[in-house]
Protein backbone atom coordinates (compact mmCIF):
# COMPACT_ATOMS: atom_id res chain seq x y z
CA LYS A 1 67.53 18.58 29.07
CA HIS A 2 68.76 18.64 32.85
CA VAL A 3 66.24 19.88 35.48
CA GLY A 4 67.80 19.72 39.72
CA VAL A 5 70.97 18.54 38.33
CA ASP A 6 73.85 21.05 36.99
CA THR A 7 76.95 19.49 35.69
CA PHE A 8 74.78 16.75 33.62
CA GLU A 9 73.53 16.48 30.26
CA ASN A 10 70.47 14.57 29.87
CA LEU A 11 69.75 14.02 33.69
CA SER A 12 67.50 15.27 35.87
CA LEU A 13 66.64 15.16 39.19
CA LEU A 14 62.64 14.60 39.40
CA CYS A 15 62.49 14.36 43.33
CA PRO A 16 65.22 15.28 46.05
CA LEU A 17 66.08 12.16 48.48
CA SER A 18 63.94 12.59 51.28
CA PRO A 19 60.80 11.47 53.13
CA PRO A 20 57.47 11.32 51.31
CA GLU A 21 55.54 14.21 51.24
CA ALA A 22 52.32 15.25 49.46
CA GLY A 23 53.26 17.59 47.25
CA THR A 24 55.40 15.22 45.88
CA ILE A 25 52.80 13.05 45.50
CA LEU A 26 50.98 14.91 43.87
CA ARG A 27 53.67 15.57 41.21
CA LEU A 28 53.83 12.55 40.21
CA GLU A 29 49.77 11.79 40.46
CA LYS A 30 49.73 14.78 37.79
CA LEU A 31 52.39 13.60 35.76
CA LEU A 32 50.98 9.78 35.95
CA ALA A 33 47.76 11.66 34.48
CA LYS A 34 49.65 13.74 31.80
CA PRO A 35 52.52 12.43 30.34
CA GLU A 36 52.69 15.59 28.11
CA LEU A 37 53.41 17.09 30.78
CA PHE A 38 56.11 15.15 31.45
CA ASP A 39 57.92 15.42 27.83
CA GLU A 40 57.57 19.35 28.32
CA GLU A 41 59.51 19.66 31.72
CA PHE A 42 61.92 17.75 31.00
CA GLY A 43 61.74 15.89 27.83
CA GLN A 44 63.68 12.34 25.99
CA SER A 45 66.76 11.74 24.79
CA ASP A 46 68.90 8.77 23.45
CA GLN A 47 71.63 10.14 25.23
CA PHE A 48 72.72 9.26 28.10
CA SER A 49 75.48 8.23 31.08
CA LEU A 50 74.66 5.24 33.16
CA TYR A 51 77.83 5.83 34.98
CA ASP A 52 76.54 10.28 35.39
CA ALA A 53 73.50 8.82 36.74
CA LEU A 54 74.78 6.35 39.05
CA TRP A 55 77.34 8.60 40.55
CA LYS A 56 74.79 11.25 41.31
CA SER A 57 72.82 9.07 42.89
CA GLN A 58 75.80 8.57 45.30
CA THR A 59 75.88 11.50 46.29
CA LEU A 60 72.35 12.67 46.98
CA PHE A 61 73.38 9.66 49.67
CA GLY A 62 76.07 11.94 51.18
CA ASP A 63 73.80 15.04 51.17
CA VAL A 64 71.16 13.16 53.63
CA PRO A 65 72.03 14.22 57.55
CA ALA A 66 73.86 11.03 59.58
CA GLY A 67 71.68 8.71 61.37
CA LYS A 68 68.67 9.01 58.53
CA ILE A 69 68.59 6.53 56.56
CA GLY A 70 68.88 2.90 57.27
CA THR A 71 69.96 1.45 53.92
CA LYS A 72 71.06 2.99 50.96
CA LYS A 73 69.31 0.97 47.69
CA ILE A 74 69.70 2.45 44.25
CA LEU A 75 67.05 1.03 41.62
CA LEU A 76 67.22 0.83 38.35
CA ILE A 77 64.28 0.51 36.30
CA THR A 78 65.13 -0.09 32.44
CA ASN A 79 63.98 -1.48 29.43
CA GLN A 80 67.70 -1.28 27.54
CA SER A 81 68.98 -5.02 28.49
CA ASN A 82 72.43 -3.60 26.59
CA PRO A 83 72.75 -0.17 27.05
CA HIS A 84 76.47 1.59 24.93
CA GLN A 85 76.32 -0.94 23.21
CA ASP A 86 78.78 0.65 21.27
CA GLN A 87 80.54 3.05 24.27
CA SER A 88 82.89 0.47 25.91
CA ASP A 89 84.13 3.45 27.21
CA GLU A 90 80.84 4.27 29.26
CA ARG A 91 80.26 0.49 29.55
CA ARG A 92 83.61 0.94 31.90
CA LYS A 93 82.54 3.60 33.49
CA ALA A 94 79.34 2.04 34.85
CA MET A 95 81.47 -1.03 35.53
CA LYS A 96 83.62 0.84 37.91
CA LYS A 97 80.70 2.77 39.43
CA ALA A 98 79.20 -0.36 40.76
CA SER A 99 82.61 -1.48 42.28
CA ASP A 100 82.64 1.73 44.25
CA LEU A 101 79.14 1.32 45.20
CA PHE A 102 80.10 -2.09 46.97
CA HIS A 103 82.65 -0.66 49.03
CA ASN A 104 80.28 1.95 50.42
CA HIS A 105 77.72 -0.17 50.89
CA ILE A 106 74.54 0.81 48.40
CA ASN A 107 72.99 -2.15 47.15
CA LEU A 108 71.80 -1.67 43.67
CA ASP A 109 69.04 -3.43 42.33
CA VAL A 110 67.56 -3.69 38.54
CA LEU A 111 64.18 -3.66 38.27
CA PRO A 112 63.64 -4.59 33.94
CA LEU A 113 60.48 -3.70 32.06
CA GLY A 114 59.32 -6.10 28.79
CA ARG A 115 59.39 -9.88 29.05
CA LYS A 116 62.93 -9.75 26.58
CA PHE A 117 64.86 -8.15 29.15
CA GLU A 118 68.62 -9.82 28.79
CA MET A 119 69.94 -9.40 31.68
CA GLU A 120 72.62 -11.70 30.82
CA ARG A 121 74.03 -9.18 28.18
CA PHE A 122 74.98 -6.21 30.60
CA PHE A 123 73.34 -5.47 34.37
CA LYS A 124 74.20 -9.22 35.75
CA ASP A 125 77.95 -8.49 35.74
CA LEU A 126 77.10 -5.50 36.31
CA VAL A 127 74.62 -5.91 39.75
CA GLN A 128 77.16 -8.64 40.78
CA LEU A 129 80.23 -5.81 40.89
CA ALA A 130 77.65 -4.37 43.36
CA ASP A 131 76.71 -7.68 45.14
CA ASP A 132 79.53 -10.44 45.36
CA ASP A 133 76.47 -12.31 46.42
CA ARG A 134 73.78 -11.82 43.91
CA ALA A 135 73.37 -14.88 41.72
CA ASP A 136 69.56 -15.35 41.01
CA PHE A 137 67.65 -12.03 39.79
CA GLY A 138 64.25 -14.12 39.67
CA ASP A 139 60.89 -13.18 37.97
CA PRO A 140 60.53 -9.28 36.75
CA THR A 141 56.78 -9.20 37.12
CA VAL A 142 57.04 -10.94 40.95
CA LYS A 143 59.40 -7.91 41.84
CA LEU A 144 57.63 -5.46 40.53
CA GLU A 145 54.70 -6.61 42.97
CA ASP A 146 56.36 -6.79 45.65
CA LEU A 147 57.78 -3.38 44.87
CA LEU A 148 53.92 -2.09 45.04
CA LYS A 149 53.60 -3.68 47.74
CA ILE A 150 56.43 -2.21 49.27
CA VAL A 151 56.09 1.33 48.62
CA ARG A 152 52.77 1.14 50.90
CA LYS A 153 54.24 -0.48 53.62
CA ARG A 154 55.47 1.33 56.88
CA ILE A 155 58.78 -0.86 57.64
CA HIS A 156 60.50 -1.27 60.53
CA LYS A 157 64.43 -1.80 60.61
CA LYS A 158 65.56 -4.47 62.91
CA ARG A 159 68.52 -3.31 65.07
CA SER A 160 69.97 -4.21 68.23
CA THR A 161 68.28 -3.02 71.83
CA GLY A 162 71.05 -3.07 73.55
CA LYS A 163 75.13 -4.84 74.03
CA VAL A 164 75.62 -7.30 77.31
CA TYR A 165 78.03 -9.72 78.43
CA LEU A 166 76.95 -13.15 79.26
CA GLU A 167 79.91 -14.12 81.29
CA PHE A 168 79.88 -18.12 81.86
CA GLY A 169 82.71 -17.85 85.58
CA PRO A 170 85.58 -15.93 86.40
CA ASN A 171 87.18 -14.30 83.98
CA MET A 172 85.29 -15.87 81.30
CA LYS A 173 82.74 -13.41 79.59
CA ILE A 174 81.57 -13.07 75.51
CA SER A 175 79.54 -9.93 74.22
CA LEU A 176 76.38 -10.14 72.65
CA ASN A 177 74.23 -7.93 71.04
CA THR A 178 70.51 -8.24 72.11
CA TYR A 179 66.97 -8.17 69.16
CA ASN A 180 62.97 -7.87 70.10
CA PHE A 181 60.93 -10.16 67.89
CA ILE A 182 57.87 -8.73 67.92
CA SER A 183 56.72 -5.23 69.21
CA LYS A 184 53.48 -3.85 69.56
CA SER A 185 52.83 -1.30 66.63
CA TYR A 186 51.64 2.44 67.85
CA LYS A 187 49.43 4.68 66.60
CA PRO A 188 51.23 8.09 66.62
CA SER A 189 51.35 10.02 69.69
CA LYS A 190 48.93 13.36 69.55
CA VAL A 191 51.26 16.31 69.15
CA LYS A 192 49.46 19.38 71.26
CA LEU A 193 49.35 22.47 69.10
CA ALA A 194 49.07 26.15 70.02
CA LYS A 195 45.54 27.49 69.11
CA ASP A 196 46.86 30.33 67.87
CA THR A 197 49.90 30.21 65.98
CA ASN A 198 49.93 26.51 65.56
CA GLU A 199 52.85 25.77 66.35
CA GLU A 200 54.28 22.80 68.70
CA VAL A 201 53.50 23.04 72.27
CA VAL A 202 56.47 21.71 74.42
CA VAL A 203 54.67 20.25 78.34
CA GLN A 204 58.02 21.65 80.85
CA ARG A 205 57.50 20.89 84.24
CA ASN A 206 59.27 22.69 87.67
CA PHE A 207 58.92 22.05 91.03
CA PHE A 208 58.91 25.47 93.14
CA HIS A 209 59.45 25.76 96.89
CA PRO A 210 55.79 25.65 98.59
CA VAL A 211 57.74 28.76 100.88
CA THR A 212 59.91 31.16 99.20
CA GLY A 213 59.02 29.98 95.90
CA ALA A 214 62.37 29.40 94.94
CA PRO A 215 62.83 26.61 92.43
CA LEU A 216 64.37 23.68 93.92
CA LEU A 217 67.18 20.98 91.77
CA PRO A 218 66.67 17.15 92.05
CA SER A 219 68.96 17.40 94.74
CA ASP A 220 66.56 19.40 96.92
CA ILE A 221 63.15 16.90 96.37
CA LYS A 222 63.52 13.91 98.63
CA LYS A 223 61.66 10.54 98.34
CA TYR A 224 59.68 8.68 100.88
CA GLN A 225 59.42 4.86 101.55
CA GLU A 226 56.38 5.13 104.67
CA TYR A 227 57.03 2.23 107.56
CA GLY A 228 55.09 1.50 110.65
CA GLY A 229 53.71 5.05 110.14
CA LYS A 230 56.72 6.88 109.96
CA ARG A 231 57.69 8.24 106.41
CA ILE A 232 61.30 7.42 106.10
CA LYS A 233 63.38 10.02 103.85
CA LEU A 234 65.62 8.81 100.79
CA THR A 235 68.10 11.08 99.06
CA GLN A 236 68.03 10.48 94.79
CA ASP A 237 71.21 8.12 95.46
CA GLU A 238 69.47 5.85 97.72
CA THR A 239 66.52 5.80 95.88
CA LYS A 240 68.52 4.66 92.88
CA ALA A 241 71.02 1.86 94.57
CA ILE A 242 67.84 0.56 95.97
CA THR A 243 66.85 -0.10 92.58
CA MET A 244 70.27 -1.34 91.13
CA LEU A 245 70.18 -3.85 93.87
CA ASP A 246 73.91 -4.38 93.31
CA GLY A 247 73.23 -6.50 90.20
CA GLU A 248 75.92 -6.38 88.09
CA LEU A 249 74.92 -5.89 84.85
CA GLY A 250 74.86 -8.58 81.77
CA MET A 251 74.08 -11.90 81.91
CA LYS A 252 75.49 -14.75 84.06
CA ILE A 253 75.00 -18.56 83.61
CA VAL A 254 73.29 -20.09 87.16
CA GLY A 255 73.13 -23.68 85.60
CA PHE A 256 71.62 -25.56 82.67
CA LYS A 257 68.13 -27.17 82.72
CA PRO A 258 66.29 -29.27 79.98
CA LEU A 259 64.35 -27.88 77.33
CA SER A 260 61.37 -30.04 78.99
CA ALA A 261 61.57 -27.60 82.30
CA LEU A 262 60.58 -24.75 81.06
CA LYS A 263 56.78 -24.89 80.94
CA TRP A 264 55.62 -22.28 78.38
CA GLY A 265 52.15 -21.37 80.58
CA HIS A 266 54.85 -20.12 82.58
CA TYR A 267 54.29 -16.45 80.61
CA VAL A 268 55.41 -13.08 81.79
CA ARG A 269 57.31 -10.80 79.33
CA SER A 270 57.92 -10.79 74.71
CA SER A 271 61.08 -13.16 74.75
CA GLY A 272 64.21 -11.29 72.99
CA PHE A 273 67.23 -12.98 71.26
CA ILE A 274 70.95 -12.50 71.60
CA TYR A 275 73.29 -12.71 68.99
CA PRO A 276 77.11 -12.89 69.41
CA GLN A 277 78.70 -9.46 68.24
CA GLU A 278 82.94 -9.26 68.13
CA LYS A 279 83.58 -5.59 68.57
CA MET A 280 83.45 -5.79 72.27
CA ILE A 281 84.89 -9.04 72.81
CA LYS A 282 86.96 -11.57 70.20
CA GLY A 283 86.18 -14.58 69.58
CA SER A 284 82.71 -13.79 70.91
CA ARG A 285 81.46 -15.74 67.60
CA GLN A 286 83.21 -18.66 68.06
CA VAL A 287 82.20 -19.05 71.78
CA PHE A 288 79.03 -18.64 71.34
CA ALA A 289 78.99 -21.45 68.21
CA ALA A 290 79.87 -23.91 70.52
CA LEU A 291 77.12 -23.25 73.46
CA LEU A 292 74.64 -23.40 71.21
CA ILE A 293 75.79 -26.07 69.68
CA LYS A 294 76.31 -28.08 72.33
CA CYS A 295 72.39 -26.47 74.05
CA LEU A 296 71.22 -27.96 70.97
CA GLU A 297 72.62 -31.69 70.51
CA LYS A 298 72.27 -32.19 74.68
CA LYS A 299 68.53 -30.45 74.53
CA VAL A 300 68.87 -27.90 77.49
CA MET A 301 68.37 -24.55 77.91
CA ALA A 302 71.08 -22.37 80.15
CA VAL A 303 69.29 -20.64 83.42
CA CYS A 304 70.99 -16.77 84.01
CA SER A 305 70.39 -14.00 86.13
CA PHE A 306 70.05 -11.20 84.07
CA LYS A 307 70.11 -7.05 84.25
CA ALA A 308 69.52 -5.49 81.19
CA ARG A 309 70.15 -1.66 82.40
CA ASP A 310 71.06 -0.26 85.62
CA SER A 311 67.15 0.94 86.73
CA SER A 312 66.16 -2.50 85.74
CA GLY A 313 66.03 -5.06 88.40
CA PRO A 314 67.21 -8.41 88.28
CA SER A 315 65.40 -11.11 86.80
CA PHE A 316 66.22 -15.29 86.07
CA VAL A 317 65.46 -16.01 81.94
CA ALA A 318 66.36 -19.23 80.67
CA LEU A 319 68.53 -18.88 77.06
CA VAL A 320 66.78 -21.55 74.99
CA PRO A 321 68.36 -22.68 71.39
CA GLN A 322 67.30 -22.03 68.07
CA GLU A 323 68.86 -23.53 64.73
CA GLU A 324 69.23 -21.94 61.65
CA ARG A 325 66.50 -22.43 59.15
CA LYS A 326 66.42 -22.12 55.37
CA ASP A 327 63.43 -22.18 53.25
CA TYR A 328 63.69 -23.89 49.61
CA GLU A 329 65.49 -21.50 47.75
CA GLY A 330 68.42 -20.69 50.46
CA HIS A 331 67.79 -17.78 52.48
CA GLN A 332 67.49 -17.84 55.92
CA ILE A 333 63.61 -17.56 57.54
CA ALA A 334 65.21 -18.42 61.45
CA PRO A 335 68.94 -17.07 62.32
CA PRO A 336 71.10 -19.09 64.91
CA GLY A 337 71.17 -17.93 68.35
CA PHE A 338 69.19 -17.90 71.74
CA HIS A 339 66.07 -16.75 73.00
CA VAL A 340 66.14 -14.99 75.97
CA VAL A 341 62.41 -16.10 78.50
CA PHE A 342 62.39 -14.45 80.60
CA LEU A 343 61.11 -16.72 84.36
CA PRO A 344 58.18 -16.39 86.80
CA PHE A 345 59.44 -15.59 90.36
CA ALA A 346 57.81 -17.57 93.03
CA ASP A 347 55.53 -14.59 94.17
CA ASP A 348 54.37 -14.55 89.94
CA PHE A 349 52.40 -17.56 91.06
CA ARG A 350 48.87 -17.03 91.74
CA ALA A 351 46.51 -19.41 93.15
CA THR A 352 43.69 -20.64 90.20
CA PRO A 353 40.11 -21.21 91.39
CA THR A 354 38.89 -24.38 91.09
CA VAL A 355 35.53 -24.01 88.44
CA SER A 356 33.44 -27.37 88.10
CA MET A 357 33.62 -27.61 83.78
CA VAL A 358 30.47 -29.55 81.98
CA GLU A 359 32.56 -32.95 81.11
CA PRO A 360 32.04 -33.46 77.21
CA GLU A 361 30.86 -36.00 75.82
CA PRO A 362 33.11 -38.04 73.26
CA GLU A 363 30.79 -37.42 70.47
CA GLN A 364 31.03 -34.32 71.07
CA LEU A 365 34.93 -34.25 71.28
CA SER A 366 35.14 -35.71 68.02
CA ALA A 367 32.83 -33.70 66.22
CA ALA A 368 34.74 -30.49 67.78
CA LYS A 369 38.38 -32.60 66.57
CA ALA A 370 37.10 -32.89 63.84
CA LEU A 371 35.95 -29.21 63.93
CA VAL A 372 39.34 -27.82 64.77
CA LYS A 373 41.04 -29.68 62.20
CA LYS A 374 39.40 -28.07 59.11
CA ILE A 375 39.54 -24.61 60.32
CA LYS A 376 43.09 -24.88 61.12
CA MET A 377 45.33 -22.45 58.84
CA LYS A 378 48.93 -24.00 56.94
CA GLY A 379 51.44 -21.55 56.86
CA TYR A 380 50.55 -19.39 58.90
CA HIS A 381 52.09 -16.02 59.72
CA PRO A 382 51.35 -13.08 61.79
CA GLU A 383 53.16 -10.48 59.00
CA ALA A 384 50.26 -11.35 56.70
CA PHE A 385 47.46 -9.85 59.00
CA SER A 386 47.29 -6.09 59.29
CA ASN A 387 46.09 -3.92 62.26
CA PRO A 388 42.58 -2.68 60.97
CA ASP A 389 42.32 0.27 63.30
CA LEU A 390 46.27 1.38 62.09
CA GLN A 391 45.94 0.74 58.59
CA PHE A 392 42.12 3.15 58.17
CA HIS A 393 44.51 4.91 60.85
CA TYR A 394 46.68 5.83 58.56
CA ALA A 395 44.36 5.74 55.09
CA MET A 396 42.69 9.13 57.09
CA ILE A 397 46.04 10.65 57.46
CA GLU A 398 47.07 10.04 53.61
CA ALA A 399 43.37 11.00 52.69
CA MET A 400 43.98 14.70 54.68
CA ALA A 401 47.34 15.36 53.22
CA LEU A 402 46.38 14.37 49.63
CA GLU A 403 43.44 16.03 50.21
CA ARG A 404 41.13 13.65 49.05
CA ASP A 405 37.46 13.16 50.01
CA ASP A 406 37.03 10.42 49.97
CA VAL A 407 38.62 7.81 52.74
CA GLU A 408 39.81 3.70 50.90
CA THR A 409 38.83 1.96 53.63
CA PRO A 410 41.67 -0.86 54.05
CA LYS A 411 40.51 -4.98 53.69
CA ASP A 412 40.12 -6.89 57.59
CA ASP A 413 42.42 -9.99 57.35
CA THR A 414 40.96 -10.68 60.69
CA MET A 415 38.03 -11.15 59.54
CA PRO A 416 37.08 -14.54 58.93
CA ASP A 417 36.40 -15.88 54.75
CA MET A 418 32.32 -17.16 55.55
CA GLU A 419 31.54 -18.14 52.56
CA PHE A 420 35.40 -20.03 52.05
CA LEU A 421 34.69 -21.46 55.70
CA ALA A 422 30.27 -22.71 54.33
CA ARG A 423 32.84 -24.24 51.48
CA LYS A 424 35.17 -26.22 53.58
CA LEU A 425 33.28 -27.44 56.48
CA LYS A 426 30.04 -28.48 54.83
CA ASP A 427 28.46 -30.88 57.22
CA VAL A 428 31.65 -30.81 59.84
CA GLY A 429 30.52 -27.84 61.34
CA GLN A 430 26.84 -29.36 61.41
CA ASP A 431 27.90 -31.96 62.72
CA PHE A 432 29.60 -30.24 65.99
CA LEU A 433 26.60 -28.15 65.95
CA GLU A 434 23.72 -30.81 66.14
CA SER A 435 26.39 -33.19 69.15
CA VAL A 436 26.56 -29.83 71.04
CA TYR A 437 23.56 -27.79 70.82
CA PRO A 438 19.80 -28.94 71.50
CA GLU A 439 17.69 -29.77 68.26
CA GLY A 440 16.09 -26.50 67.07
CA TYR A 441 19.22 -24.02 68.64
CA ASP A 442 18.98 -20.83 66.96
CA PRO A 443 22.40 -18.81 67.32
CA GLN A 444 20.72 -16.23 66.02
CA SER A 445 17.90 -15.74 68.94
CA ALA A 446 20.31 -17.20 71.36
CA SER A 447 22.07 -13.68 70.88
CA THR A 448 19.48 -11.20 70.90
CA LYS A 449 18.24 -8.79 73.69
CA ARG A 450 15.91 -10.42 75.87
CA LYS A 451 12.78 -8.25 75.98
CA ALA A 452 12.66 -6.59 79.31
CA PRO A 453 9.14 -8.16 81.25
CA ALA A 454 5.88 -5.66 80.72
CA ALA A 455 5.31 -4.87 84.79
CA LYS A 456 8.70 -3.85 86.71
CA LYS A 457 8.94 -4.29 90.18
CA GLU A 458 10.04 -2.07 92.51
CA PRO A 459 13.95 -1.52 92.30
CA VAL A 460 15.38 -3.34 95.49
CA VAL A 461 18.55 -0.61 97.07
CA LYS A 462 21.29 -2.41 97.64
CA LYS A 463 22.76 -1.35 100.85
CA ALA A 464 26.14 -0.80 101.04
CA LYS A 465 28.56 -3.26 102.11
CA THR A 466 30.42 -2.61 105.75
CA VAL A 467 32.58 -4.27 108.16
CA ASP A 468 31.45 -4.45 111.08
CA VAL A 469 33.01 -2.66 113.96
CA ASP A 470 32.21 -3.77 117.16
CA GLN A 471 33.29 -2.86 120.45
CA GLU A 472 35.62 -6.17 120.87
CA PHE A 473 37.74 -4.83 117.74
CA ASP A 474 41.09 -3.91 119.66
CA MET A 475 42.78 -1.46 117.01
CA GLY A 476 45.04 -0.87 119.85
CA SER A 477 46.82 -3.47 119.43
CA TYR A 478 47.74 -3.09 115.31
CA VAL A 479 49.34 0.40 116.61
CA GLU A 480 51.18 -0.86 119.02
CA SER A 481 52.93 -3.77 116.49
CA LYS A 482 52.70 -1.25 114.21
CA THR A 483 50.31 -3.18 111.75
CA VAL A 484 47.87 -0.64 110.47
CA PRO A 485 48.42 -0.50 107.23
CA LYS A 486 47.32 -4.42 106.61
CA LEU A 487 43.55 -3.46 107.83
CA THR A 488 41.85 -3.06 104.26
CA VAL A 489 40.32 0.50 103.47
CA GLN A 490 36.76 -0.46 104.89
CA VAL A 491 37.95 -1.79 108.28
CA LEU A 492 39.73 1.55 108.53
CA LYS A 493 37.22 4.23 107.07
CA ASP A 494 34.68 1.68 110.03
CA TYR A 495 36.57 3.06 112.93
CA LEU A 496 36.95 5.89 111.59
CA LYS A 497 33.20 6.81 111.24
CA ALA A 498 32.03 5.43 114.56
CA ASN A 499 35.40 7.78 115.94
CA ASP A 500 33.60 10.35 114.21
CA ILE A 501 35.82 11.38 111.80
CA ASP A 502 35.36 12.56 108.95
CA VAL A 503 36.95 10.01 105.92
CA ALA A 504 35.92 11.82 102.46
CA GLY A 505 38.44 11.63 99.95
CA LEU A 506 40.43 9.96 101.74
CA LYS A 507 43.35 7.08 100.48
CA LYS A 508 45.00 4.39 102.73
CA ALA A 509 48.15 6.42 103.19
CA GLN A 510 46.07 9.18 104.85
CA LEU A 511 43.05 6.69 106.42
CA VAL A 512 46.30 5.05 108.13
CA ASP A 513 47.74 8.66 109.07
CA GLU A 514 44.48 9.50 110.81
CA VAL A 515 44.14 6.31 113.30
CA TYR A 516 47.80 6.86 114.38
CA LYS A 517 46.88 10.64 114.95
CA PHE A 518 43.76 9.47 116.69
CA PHE A 519 45.16 7.31 119.31
CA ASN A 520 48.64 9.61 119.93
CA GLY A 521 46.05 12.59 120.72
CA LYS A 522 44.41 9.89 123.11
CA ASN A 523 47.47 9.72 124.69
């Protein structure tokens, strides 16, 4: 039969090429539960054309709107290692179509079924025509396990976050792509719906003149900066110019520092990554590679001024070199390039309070080192741990969409395996407890909440903390020097209360205005 496809015999379209939907998933589950329904609707036949299947698969990608596809991939699942063995014309057409897929940037992968599947008879040549770099096809059982994981995993497409220039000096710059290696995953944002129609509610904000009621344009709205008790009006263009600080977009190298000068405690925000691109400036790749090689040889980093966009302020960053790393199979696990580490400004440093700590004994240090060495995880990778809150959220959505009563509780990978730790630590954990805590210490009893005493004392009424604004306090000197905003909120409130001025619900800017009004009224 042919279902969903009008022009080809023995070729059917089971599901349209679209994001997964509840109806499609329920239909597939129904066919899996009752295989006879599949035979009734689609049937079976030994006569088929692999060329027609690949051609139709290619046209399905063309039906999807532009921008809705990240990558194009055809996964061919088959248990026949040598189709069209007596049809040379069909084999030739299939090979030609595989070459067409390669030129249209469509990946072709084969998932063989059965242990006696022989890729060399036909599909090895077919896949290599669709991918020149493909040499190893791996174990089909492993590929099936990976496929089952990928189906239920949200894939984040690694796209460039922007394009910038790296300037070395006058008339010397290269073009780069910027990337974020790490970003936080959030739950999908809430959507407000109308109560009666269940349609999405769009929030729109408009500004109107308080007297005439006429709508205001963005050019009619002014911003202000309070200085010296006065409000200085600023237009939108003036505000934008102040934000830009007349800085040029991109990166500019200002010098080099040894890698040892970068202190990992000077963390400001998550770093980025840069990689050359040739579309804007030809030759950027060669210059970038030369800079990377020399920085790795000399163990130095480049310090640059950086301005990502017009609305962002300037920053100083360190370009930390990273060489390419590959695993034992030759697959890249770390790309060559520079990490963009944001450097702190002088006012980012704070005076840390000195806290007196009890110095541990040498035997306690030894016990702690042995404990940490035992529980250290080998081969740690953050992708191995899923956010349990997100996983449960998606499980709830899945259960509601598929109309299921039971919600599958995902495994919390962040919780330690206590039985495994007990077997691994053995006596090391007990040695640490005995060296640090007193004899007879019970962590369960120590964490329990203490019971309240039988007889309760009268509660002590705490007095509100106030500042004594006496007769010697000279507010007039602050008013004359226009430094009233430097006073604390409590001092301002106490002064106004002493002069019988209501301060309930007033913010600091309003308190400062009241002080200036009070003195202007006196004069």
